[in-house]
Amino acid sequence: MAKKRLTRPRKGRVLAGVAVGIADYFNIDVTIVRLIWVFLMLPGGLPGVLPYLIFWLVMPESNK
């Protein structure tokens, strides 16, 4: 069985592909992940921006 990896795909991106990568990894709709990011941005931005930037830097880009 192939091991699942958390990556940022090139297809389906809006900004950096973080939401699409997380949605693919957990096998959920990308809209749900994007709504969670928006919800985290409401209390001033930092709770949403900081994790997004960390994921952007840590998650490798996939070839698909």
PDB file of N, CA and C in Angstrom:
ATOM      1  N   MET A   1       0.841  -1.175   0.000  1.00  0.00           N
ATOM      2  CA  MET A   1       0.000   0.000   0.000  1.00  0.00           C
ATOM      3  C   MET A   1       0.892   1.246   0.000  1.00  0.00           C
ATOM      4  N   ALA A   2       0.548   2.200  -0.834  1.00  0.00           N
ATOM      5  CA  ALA A   2       1.328   3.431  -0.931  1.00  0.00           C
ATOM      6  C   ALA A   2       1.065   4.319   0.278  1.00  0.00           C
ATOM      7  N   LYS A   3       2.134   4.905   0.790  1.00  0.00           N
ATOM      8  CA  LYS A   3       2.011   5.804   1.934  1.00  0.00           C
ATOM      9  C   LYS A   3       1.503   7.168   1.455  1.00  0.00           C
ATOM     10  N   LYS A   4       0.508   7.701   2.157  1.00  0.00           N
ATOM     11  CA  LYS A   4      -0.077   8.985   1.807  1.00  0.00           C
ATOM     12  C   LYS A   4       0.842  10.110   2.278  1.00  0.00           C
ATOM     13  N   ARG A   5       1.061  11.106   1.404  1.00  0.00           N
ATOM     14  CA  ARG A   5       1.926  12.233   1.748  1.00  0.00           C
ATOM     15  C   ARG A   5       1.149  13.532   1.671  1.00  0.00           C
ATOM     16  N   LEU A   6       1.480  14.445   2.551  1.00  0.00           N
ATOM     17  CA  LEU A   6       0.871  15.770   2.575  1.00  0.00           C
ATOM     18  C   LEU A   6       1.688  16.677   1.665  1.00  0.00           C
ATOM     19  N   THR A   7       1.133  16.988   0.490  1.00  0.00           N
ATOM     20  CA  THR A   7       1.830  17.821  -0.488  1.00  0.00           C
ATOM     21  C   THR A   7       0.890  18.891  -1.026  1.00  0.00           C
ATOM     22  N   ARG A   8       1.479  19.899  -1.655  1.00  0.00           N
ATOM     23  CA  ARG A   8       0.707  20.967  -2.296  1.00  0.00           C
ATOM     24  C   ARG A   8       0.653  20.703  -3.791  1.00  0.00           C
ATOM     25  N   PRO A   9      -0.508  20.271  -4.308  1.00  0.00           N
ATOM     26  CA  PRO A   9      -0.595  19.996  -5.749  1.00  0.00           C
ATOM     27  C   PRO A   9      -0.606  21.274  -6.565  1.00  0.00           C
ATOM     28  N   ARG A  10      -0.203  21.164  -7.805  1.00  0.00           N
ATOM     29  CA  ARG A  10      -0.201  22.333  -8.694  1.00  0.00           C
ATOM     30  C   ARG A  10      -1.592  22.605  -9.248  1.00  0.00           C
ATOM     31  N   LYS A  11      -2.436  21.576  -9.295  1.00  0.00           N
ATOM     32  CA  LYS A  11      -3.769  21.706  -9.863  1.00  0.00           C
ATOM     33  C   LYS A  11      -4.784  22.045  -8.770  1.00  0.00           C
ATOM     34  N   GLY A  12      -5.657  23.010  -9.026  1.00  0.00           N
ATOM     35  CA  GLY A  12      -6.713  23.363  -8.091  1.00  0.00           C
ATOM     36  C   GLY A  12      -6.344  24.429  -7.079  1.00  0.00           C
ATOM     37  N   ARG A  13      -5.212  25.052  -7.252  1.00  0.00           N
ATOM     38  CA  ARG A  13      -4.752  26.087  -6.321  1.00  0.00           C
ATOM     39  C   ARG A  13      -5.546  27.370  -6.451  1.00  0.00           C
ATOM     40  N   VAL A  14      -5.633  28.080  -5.330  1.00  0.00           N
ATOM     41  CA  VAL A  14      -6.120  29.453  -5.363  1.00  0.00           C
ATOM     42  C   VAL A  14      -4.958  30.368  -4.994  1.00  0.00           C
ATOM     43  N   LEU A  15      -4.243  30.030  -3.926  1.00  0.00           N
ATOM     44  CA  LEU A  15      -3.087  30.836  -3.533  1.00  0.00           C
ATOM     45  C   LEU A  15      -1.818  29.985  -3.626  1.00  0.00           C
ATOM     46  N   ALA A  16      -1.595  29.115  -2.646  1.00  0.00           N
ATOM     47  CA  ALA A  16      -0.377  28.310  -2.640  1.00  0.00           C
ATOM     48  C   ALA A  16      -0.650  26.818  -2.706  1.00  0.00           C
ATOM     49  N   GLY A  17      -1.906  26.418  -2.645  1.00  0.00           N
ATOM     50  CA  GLY A  17      -2.236  25.002  -2.712  1.00  0.00           C
ATOM     51  C   GLY A  17      -2.310  24.301  -1.378  1.00  0.00           C
ATOM     52  N   VAL A  18      -2.212  25.051  -0.284  1.00  0.00           N
ATOM     53  CA  VAL A  18      -2.240  24.455   1.051  1.00  0.00           C
ATOM     54  C   VAL A  18      -3.597  23.811   1.327  1.00  0.00           C
ATOM     55  N   ALA A  19      -4.669  24.513   1.044  1.00  0.00           N
ATOM     56  CA  ALA A  19      -6.013  23.987   1.317  1.00  0.00           C
ATOM     57  C   ALA A  19      -6.290  22.740   0.484  1.00  0.00           C
ATOM     58  N   VAL A  20      -5.883  22.741  -0.775  1.00  0.00           N
ATOM     59  CA  VAL A  20      -6.096  21.587  -1.639  1.00  0.00           C
ATOM     60  C   VAL A  20      -5.287  20.394  -1.134  1.00  0.00           C
ATOM     61  N   GLY A  21      -4.068  20.633  -0.704  1.00  0.00           N
ATOM     62  CA  GLY A  21      -3.232  19.554  -0.180  1.00  0.00           C
ATOM     63  C   GLY A  21      -3.808  18.936   1.083  1.00  0.00           C
ATOM     64  N   ILE A  22      -4.297  19.767   1.988  1.00  0.00           N
ATOM     65  CA  ILE A  22      -4.902  19.265   3.227  1.00  0.00           C
ATOM     66  C   ILE A  22      -6.184  18.502   2.906  1.00  0.00           C
ATOM     67  N   ALA A  23      -6.995  19.025   1.995  1.00  0.00           N
ATOM     68  CA  ALA A  23      -8.238  18.350   1.612  1.00  0.00           C
ATOM     69  C   ALA A  23      -7.954  16.999   0.964  1.00  0.00           C
ATOM     70  N   ASP A  24      -6.951  16.931   0.109  1.00  0.00           N
ATOM     71  CA  ASP A  24      -6.582  15.656  -0.514  1.00  0.00           C
ATOM     72  C   ASP A  24      -6.096  14.655   0.529  1.00  0.00           C
ATOM     73  N   TYR A  25      -5.297  15.116   1.455  1.00  0.00           N
ATOM     74  CA  TYR A  25      -4.723  14.229   2.472  1.00  0.00           C
ATOM     75  C   TYR A  25      -5.801  13.616   3.358  1.00  0.00           C
ATOM     76  N   PHE A  26      -6.771  14.438   3.787  1.00  0.00           N
ATOM     77  CA  PHE A  26      -7.829  13.958   4.674  1.00  0.00           C
ATOM     78  C   PHE A  26      -9.072  13.482   3.911  1.00  0.00           C
ATOM     79  N   ASN A  27      -9.011  13.530   2.577  1.00  0.00           N
ATOM     80  CA  ASN A  27     -10.092  13.066   1.712  1.00  0.00           C
ATOM     81  C   ASN A  27     -11.417  13.775   2.024  1.00  0.00           C
ATOM     82  N   ILE A  28     -11.356  15.108   2.109  1.00  0.00           N
ATOM     83  CA  ILE A  28     -12.546  15.926   2.334  1.00  0.00           C
ATOM     84  C   ILE A  28     -12.621  16.987   1.236  1.00  0.00           C
ATOM     85  N   ASP A  29     -13.748  17.658   1.162  1.00  0.00           N
ATOM     86  CA  ASP A  29     -13.938  18.692   0.153  1.00  0.00           C
ATOM     87  C   ASP A  29     -13.068  19.905   0.475  1.00  0.00           C
ATOM     88  N   VAL A  30     -12.443  20.467  -0.533  1.00  0.00           N
ATOM     89  CA  VAL A  30     -11.558  21.610  -0.339  1.00  0.00           C
ATOM     90  C   VAL A  30     -12.315  22.829   0.170  1.00  0.00           C
ATOM     91  N   THR A  31     -13.602  22.932  -0.124  1.00  0.00           N
ATOM     92  CA  THR A  31     -14.407  24.050   0.353  1.00  0.00           C
ATOM     93  C   THR A  31     -14.456  24.086   1.873  1.00  0.00           C
ATOM     94  N   ILE A  32     -14.530  22.924   2.496  1.00  0.00           N
ATOM     95  CA  ILE A  32     -14.547  22.849   3.961  1.00  0.00           C
ATOM     96  C   ILE A  32     -13.243  23.388   4.532  1.00  0.00           C
ATOM     97  N   VAL A  33     -12.138  23.004   3.948  1.00  0.00           N
ATOM     98  CA  VAL A  33     -10.828  23.471   4.421  1.00  0.00           C
ATOM     99  C   VAL A  33     -10.711  24.985   4.232  1.00  0.00           C
ATOM    100  N   ARG A  34     -11.163  25.485   3.109  1.00  0.00           N
ATOM    101  CA  ARG A  34     -11.095  26.932   2.859  1.00  0.00           C
ATOM    102  C   ARG A  34     -11.982  27.708   3.829  1.00  0.00           C
ATOM    103  N   LEU A  35     -13.149  27.157   4.157  1.00  0.00           N
ATOM    104  CA  LEU A  35     -14.021  27.813   5.144  1.00  0.00           C
ATOM    105  C   LEU A  35     -13.373  27.835   6.529  1.00  0.00           C
ATOM    106  N   ILE A  36     -12.649  26.787   6.866  1.00  0.00           N
ATOM    107  CA  ILE A  36     -11.927  26.773   8.147  1.00  0.00           C
ATOM    108  C   ILE A  36     -10.867  27.863   8.161  1.00  0.00           C
ATOM    109  N   TRP A  37     -10.135  28.045   7.042  1.00  0.00           N
ATOM    110  CA  TRP A  37      -9.131  29.116   6.976  1.00  0.00           C
ATOM    111  C   TRP A  37      -9.786  30.482   7.140  1.00  0.00           C
ATOM    112  N   VAL A  38     -10.925  30.686   6.486  1.00  0.00           N
ATOM    113  CA  VAL A  38     -11.638  31.964   6.607  1.00  0.00           C
ATOM    114  C   VAL A  38     -12.071  32.186   8.049  1.00  0.00           C
ATOM    115  N   PHE A  39     -12.603  31.149   8.693  1.00  0.00           N
ATOM    116  CA  PHE A  39     -13.018  31.246  10.084  1.00  0.00           C
ATOM    117  C   PHE A  39     -11.833  31.605  10.983  1.00  0.00           C
ATOM    118  N   LEU A  40     -10.654  31.041  10.712  1.00  0.00           N
ATOM    119  CA  LEU A  40      -9.465  31.355  11.502  1.00  0.00           C
ATOM    120  C   LEU A  40      -8.951  32.772  11.256  1.00  0.00           C
ATOM    121  N   MET A  41      -9.308  33.364  10.114  1.00  0.00           N
ATOM    122  CA  MET A  41      -8.876  34.728   9.796  1.00  0.00           C
ATOM    123  C   MET A  41      -9.725  35.789  10.493  1.00  0.00           C
ATOM    124  N   LEU A  42     -10.927  35.426  10.924  1.00  0.00           N
ATOM    125  CA  LEU A  42     -11.848  36.405  11.499  1.00  0.00           C
ATOM    126  C   LEU A  42     -11.335  37.101  12.761  1.00  0.00           C
ATOM    127  N   PRO A  43     -10.697  36.399  13.722  1.00  0.00           N
ATOM    128  CA  PRO A  43     -10.295  37.102  14.945  1.00  0.00           C
ATOM    129  C   PRO A  43      -9.012  37.926  14.791  1.00  0.00           C
ATOM    130  N   GLY A  44      -8.771  38.499  13.662  1.00  0.00           N
ATOM    131  CA  GLY A  44      -7.627  39.382  13.500  1.00  0.00           C
ATOM    132  C   GLY A  44      -6.602  38.877  12.513  1.00  0.00           C
ATOM    133  N   GLY A  45      -6.789  37.704  11.956  1.00  0.00           N
ATOM    134  CA  GLY A  45      -5.903  37.202  10.921  1.00  0.00           C
ATOM    135  C   GLY A  45      -4.804  36.287  11.384  1.00  0.00           C
ATOM    136  N   LEU A  46      -4.182  36.577  12.518  1.00  0.00           N
ATOM    137  CA  LEU A  46      -3.012  35.804  12.954  1.00  0.00           C
ATOM    138  C   LEU A  46      -3.297  34.315  13.140  1.00  0.00           C
ATOM    139  N   PRO A  47      -4.425  33.911  13.740  1.00  0.00           N
ATOM    140  CA  PRO A  47      -4.670  32.470  13.886  1.00  0.00           C
ATOM    141  C   PRO A  47      -4.813  31.740  12.551  1.00  0.00           C
ATOM    142  N   GLY A  48      -5.068  32.446  11.470  1.00  0.00           N
ATOM    143  CA  GLY A  48      -5.188  31.815  10.166  1.00  0.00           C
ATOM    144  C   GLY A  48      -3.959  31.994   9.304  1.00  0.00           C
ATOM    145  N   VAL A  49      -3.338  33.154   9.384  1.00  0.00           N
ATOM    146  CA  VAL A  49      -2.193  33.448   8.530  1.00  0.00           C
ATOM    147  C   VAL A  49      -0.954  32.660   8.950  1.00  0.00           C
ATOM    148  N   LEU A  50      -0.685  32.606  10.225  1.00  0.00           N
ATOM    149  CA  LEU A  50       0.524  31.931  10.702  1.00  0.00           C
ATOM    150  C   LEU A  50       0.544  30.446  10.348  1.00  0.00           C
ATOM    151  N   PRO A  51      -0.519  29.676  10.634  1.00  0.00           N
ATOM    152  CA  PRO A  51      -0.495  28.270  10.217  1.00  0.00           C
ATOM    153  C   PRO A  51      -0.414  28.103   8.698  1.00  0.00           C
ATOM    154  N   TYR A  52      -1.083  28.988   7.949  1.00  0.00           N
ATOM    155  CA  TYR A  52      -1.033  28.894   6.490  1.00  0.00           C
ATOM    156  C   TYR A  52       0.405  29.080   5.994  1.00  0.00           C
ATOM    157  N   LEU A  53       1.083  30.080   6.521  1.00  0.00           N
ATOM    158  CA  LEU A  53       2.475  30.320   6.108  1.00  0.00           C
ATOM    159  C   LEU A  53       3.383  29.150   6.481  1.00  0.00           C
ATOM    160  N   ILE A  54       3.156  28.579   7.660  1.00  0.00           N
ATOM    161  CA  ILE A  54       3.964  27.429   8.080  1.00  0.00           C
ATOM    162  C   ILE A  54       3.722  26.248   7.146  1.00  0.00           C
ATOM    163  N   PHE A  55       2.436  25.961   6.837  1.00  0.00           N
ATOM    164  CA  PHE A  55       2.134  24.877   5.903  1.00  0.00           C
ATOM    165  C   PHE A  55       2.745  25.147   4.537  1.00  0.00           C
ATOM    166  N   TRP A  56       2.688  26.395   4.083  1.00  0.00           N
ATOM    167  CA  TRP A  56       3.234  26.761   2.783  1.00  0.00           C
ATOM    168  C   TRP A  56       4.741  26.469   2.730  1.00  0.00           C
ATOM    169  N   LEU A  57       5.435  26.774   3.804  1.00  0.00           N
ATOM    170  CA  LEU A  57       6.878  26.563   3.836  1.00  0.00           C
ATOM    171  C   LEU A  57       7.264  25.093   4.049  1.00  0.00           C
ATOM    172  N   VAL A  58       6.461  24.351   4.806  1.00  0.00           N
ATOM    173  CA  VAL A  58       6.825  22.987   5.186  1.00  0.00           C
ATOM    174  C   VAL A  58       6.347  21.939   4.180  1.00  0.00           C
ATOM    175  N   MET A  59       5.166  22.153   3.597  1.00  0.00           N
ATOM    176  CA  MET A  59       4.607  21.164   2.676  1.00  0.00           C
ATOM    177  C   MET A  59       5.338  21.201   1.346  1.00  0.00           C
ATOM    178  N   PRO A  60       5.850  20.055   0.889  1.00  0.00           N
ATOM    179  CA  PRO A  60       6.510  20.047  -0.422  1.00  0.00           C
ATOM    180  C   PRO A  60       5.479  20.126  -1.545  1.00  0.00           C
ATOM    181  N   GLU A  61       5.914  20.641  -2.678  1.00  0.00           N
ATOM    182  CA  GLU A  61       5.048  20.743  -3.843  1.00  0.00           C
ATOM    183  C   GLU A  61       5.058  19.409  -4.576  1.00  0.00           C
ATOM    184  N   SER A  62       3.879  18.948  -4.978  1.00  0.00           N
ATOM    185  CA  SER A  62       3.814  17.669  -5.705  1.00  0.00           C
ATOM    186  C   SER A  62       3.952  17.920  -7.197  1.00  0.00           C
ATOM    187  N   ASN A  63       4.132  16.840  -7.920  1.00  0.00           N
ATOM    188  CA  ASN A  63       4.296  16.930  -9.376  1.00  0.00           C
ATOM    189  C   ASN A  63       2.990  16.818 -10.122  1.00  0.00           C
ATOM    190  N   LYS A  64       1.871  16.530  -9.406  1.00  0.00           N
ATOM    191  CA  LYS A  64       0.603  16.394 -10.107  1.00  0.00           C
ATOM    192  C   LYS A  64      -0.154  17.678 -10.168  1.00  0.00           C
TER     193      LYS A  64
END
